[in-house]
Amino acid sequence: MKIHLSMSMNDQMLIDYVRRMINTGARKVFVPMYLVNNASHEALAEVRRICQFNRVEMEIRG
């Protein structure tokens, strides 16, 4: 993924969280709602792409 200077800290936190879960071997990633609420549409699209590429399911938990 290309990191743009305009990417917010909230976007980076979401992407880093999902990557960490995948790197630890998770086959299903449970993402806290507060990370999703604070992220941009571009970050959410990137997270979906990362999950699809790694064949990992993503679930948002409130």
N, C-alpha and C. Protein backbone atom coordinates (compact mmCIF):
# COMPACT_ATOMS: atom_id res chain seq x y z
N MET A 1 0.83 -1.17 0.00
CA MET A 1 0.00 0.00 0.00
C MET A 1 0.88 1.24 0.00
N LYS A 2 0.48 2.22 -0.75
CA LYS A 2 1.18 3.50 -0.75
C LYS A 2 0.62 4.35 0.37
N ILE A 3 1.48 4.87 1.20
CA ILE A 3 1.04 5.73 2.29
C ILE A 3 1.18 7.17 1.83
N HIS A 4 0.07 7.88 1.83
CA HIS A 4 0.06 9.27 1.40
C HIS A 4 0.22 10.17 2.62
N LEU A 5 0.77 11.33 2.40
CA LEU A 5 0.94 12.27 3.50
C LEU A 5 -0.40 12.72 4.05
N SER A 6 -1.44 12.66 3.23
CA SER A 6 -2.76 13.10 3.67
C SER A 6 -3.48 12.05 4.52
N MET A 7 -2.92 10.85 4.63
CA MET A 7 -3.55 9.80 5.41
C MET A 7 -3.52 10.19 6.88
N SER A 8 -4.66 10.12 7.51
CA SER A 8 -4.74 10.54 8.91
C SER A 8 -4.19 9.45 9.84
N MET A 9 -3.95 9.85 11.06
CA MET A 9 -3.46 8.92 12.07
C MET A 9 -4.52 7.83 12.32
N ASN A 10 -5.80 8.19 12.27
CA ASN A 10 -6.87 7.21 12.47
C ASN A 10 -6.86 6.16 11.38
N ASP A 11 -6.64 6.59 10.14
CA ASP A 11 -6.56 5.64 9.02
C ASP A 11 -5.39 4.69 9.23
N GLN A 12 -4.26 5.23 9.61
CA GLN A 12 -3.07 4.41 9.80
C GLN A 12 -3.26 3.43 10.95
N MET A 13 -3.94 3.86 12.01
CA MET A 13 -4.20 2.96 13.14
C MET A 13 -5.04 1.77 12.71
N LEU A 14 -6.07 2.01 11.90
CA LEU A 14 -6.94 0.93 11.42
C LEU A 14 -6.15 -0.04 10.55
N ILE A 15 -5.41 0.47 9.60
CA ILE A 15 -4.65 -0.39 8.70
C ILE A 15 -3.59 -1.18 9.46
N ASP A 16 -2.89 -0.54 10.37
CA ASP A 16 -1.87 -1.23 11.18
C ASP A 16 -2.50 -2.32 12.04
N TYR A 17 -3.67 -2.04 12.62
CA TYR A 17 -4.36 -3.02 13.46
C TYR A 17 -4.69 -4.28 12.66
N VAL A 18 -5.26 -4.09 11.47
CA VAL A 18 -5.64 -5.23 10.64
C VAL A 18 -4.40 -6.01 10.20
N ARG A 19 -3.36 -5.32 9.81
CA ARG A 19 -2.12 -6.01 9.40
C ARG A 19 -1.52 -6.80 10.56
N ARG A 20 -1.55 -6.24 11.76
CA ARG A 20 -1.02 -6.95 12.94
C ARG A 20 -1.81 -8.23 13.19
N MET A 21 -3.13 -8.16 13.10
CA MET A 21 -3.96 -9.34 13.32
C MET A 21 -3.66 -10.42 12.28
N ILE A 22 -3.52 -10.01 11.04
CA ILE A 22 -3.22 -10.97 9.97
C ILE A 22 -1.84 -11.57 10.17
N ASN A 23 -0.87 -10.76 10.55
CA ASN A 23 0.50 -11.25 10.75
C ASN A 23 0.61 -12.22 11.92
N THR A 24 -0.32 -12.15 12.88
CA THR A 24 -0.29 -13.08 14.00
C THR A 24 -1.04 -14.37 13.69
N GLY A 25 -1.57 -14.49 12.46
CA GLY A 25 -2.19 -15.73 12.04
C GLY A 25 -3.70 -15.76 12.14
N ALA A 26 -4.33 -14.65 12.39
CA ALA A 26 -5.79 -14.63 12.50
C ALA A 26 -6.43 -14.93 11.15
N ARG A 27 -7.46 -15.76 11.15
CA ARG A 27 -8.20 -16.05 9.92
C ARG A 27 -9.48 -15.22 9.86
N LYS A 28 -9.82 -14.61 10.99
CA LYS A 28 -10.96 -13.69 11.05
C LYS A 28 -10.53 -12.53 11.94
N VAL A 29 -10.66 -11.32 11.42
CA VAL A 29 -10.23 -10.12 12.13
C VAL A 29 -11.46 -9.42 12.69
N PHE A 30 -11.47 -9.21 13.99
CA PHE A 30 -12.55 -8.47 14.65
C PHE A 30 -12.06 -7.04 14.87
N VAL A 31 -12.65 -6.10 14.14
CA VAL A 31 -12.22 -4.71 14.19
C VAL A 31 -13.14 -3.92 15.12
N PRO A 32 -12.59 -3.22 16.10
CA PRO A 32 -13.43 -2.40 16.99
C PRO A 32 -14.11 -1.27 16.21
N MET A 33 -15.36 -1.01 16.58
CA MET A 33 -16.16 0.01 15.90
C MET A 33 -15.50 1.39 15.93
N TYR A 34 -14.83 1.73 17.03
CA TYR A 34 -14.24 3.07 17.12
C TYR A 34 -13.16 3.29 16.06
N LEU A 35 -12.46 2.23 15.66
CA LEU A 35 -11.46 2.38 14.60
C LEU A 35 -12.13 2.63 13.25
N VAL A 36 -13.25 1.95 13.02
CA VAL A 36 -13.97 2.11 11.75
C VAL A 36 -14.62 3.49 11.68
N ASN A 37 -15.22 3.94 12.77
CA ASN A 37 -15.91 5.24 12.78
C ASN A 37 -14.97 6.39 12.48
N ASN A 38 -13.73 6.29 12.90
CA ASN A 38 -12.78 7.40 12.73
C ASN A 38 -11.98 7.33 11.44
N ALA A 39 -12.17 6.27 10.66
CA ALA A 39 -11.38 6.08 9.44
C ALA A 39 -12.08 6.65 8.21
N SER A 40 -11.29 6.96 7.20
CA SER A 40 -11.84 7.46 5.94
C SER A 40 -12.31 6.30 5.07
N HIS A 41 -13.06 6.64 4.02
CA HIS A 41 -13.53 5.62 3.08
C HIS A 41 -12.35 4.95 2.38
N GLU A 42 -11.31 5.70 2.12
CA GLU A 42 -10.13 5.14 1.46
C GLU A 42 -9.45 4.11 2.34
N ALA A 43 -9.37 4.38 3.63
CA ALA A 43 -8.76 3.43 4.56
C ALA A 43 -9.60 2.16 4.67
N LEU A 44 -10.91 2.31 4.69
CA LEU A 44 -11.79 1.14 4.75
C LEU A 44 -11.64 0.29 3.49
N ALA A 45 -11.54 0.94 2.35
CA ALA A 45 -11.34 0.20 1.10
C ALA A 45 -10.00 -0.53 1.11
N GLU A 46 -8.98 0.10 1.65
CA GLU A 46 -7.66 -0.53 1.74
C GLU A 46 -7.70 -1.75 2.66
N VAL A 47 -8.40 -1.63 3.78
CA VAL A 47 -8.52 -2.75 4.72
C VAL A 47 -9.26 -3.91 4.06
N ARG A 48 -10.32 -3.62 3.32
CA ARG A 48 -11.04 -4.68 2.60
C ARG A 48 -10.12 -5.37 1.61
N ARG A 49 -9.31 -4.58 0.90
CA ARG A 49 -8.38 -5.14 -0.09
C ARG A 49 -7.35 -6.03 0.59
N ILE A 50 -6.81 -5.58 1.71
CA ILE A 50 -5.82 -6.36 2.45
C ILE A 50 -6.43 -7.69 2.91
N CYS A 51 -7.65 -7.64 3.43
CA CYS A 51 -8.31 -8.86 3.91
C CYS A 51 -8.59 -9.82 2.76
N GLN A 52 -9.07 -9.30 1.64
CA GLN A 52 -9.34 -10.17 0.49
C GLN A 52 -8.05 -10.80 -0.03
N PHE A 53 -7.00 -10.03 -0.10
CA PHE A 53 -5.72 -10.54 -0.59
C PHE A 53 -5.20 -11.67 0.29
N ASN A 54 -5.39 -11.54 1.60
CA ASN A 54 -4.90 -12.55 2.55
C ASN A 54 -5.94 -13.61 2.89
N ARG A 55 -7.09 -13.56 2.22
CA ARG A 55 -8.19 -14.51 2.45
C ARG A 55 -8.60 -14.56 3.92
N VAL A 56 -8.79 -13.38 4.47
CA VAL A 56 -9.17 -13.24 5.88
C VAL A 56 -10.53 -12.56 5.94
N GLU A 57 -11.39 -13.05 6.82
CA GLU A 57 -12.69 -12.41 7.02
C GLU A 57 -12.53 -11.25 7.99
N MET A 58 -13.36 -10.24 7.81
CA MET A 58 -13.33 -9.09 8.71
C MET A 58 -14.72 -8.90 9.29
N GLU A 59 -14.78 -8.69 10.60
CA GLU A 59 -16.04 -8.42 11.27
C GLU A 59 -15.86 -7.19 12.16
N ILE A 60 -16.83 -6.29 12.10
CA ILE A 60 -16.77 -5.08 12.91
C ILE A 60 -17.54 -5.33 14.20
N ARG A 61 -16.87 -5.06 15.31
CA ARG A 61 -17.48 -5.27 16.63
C ARG A 61 -17.69 -3.94 17.32
N GLY A 62 -18.89 -3.75 17.85
CA GLY A 62 -19.23 -2.48 18.50
C GLY A 62 -18.89 -2.50 19.91
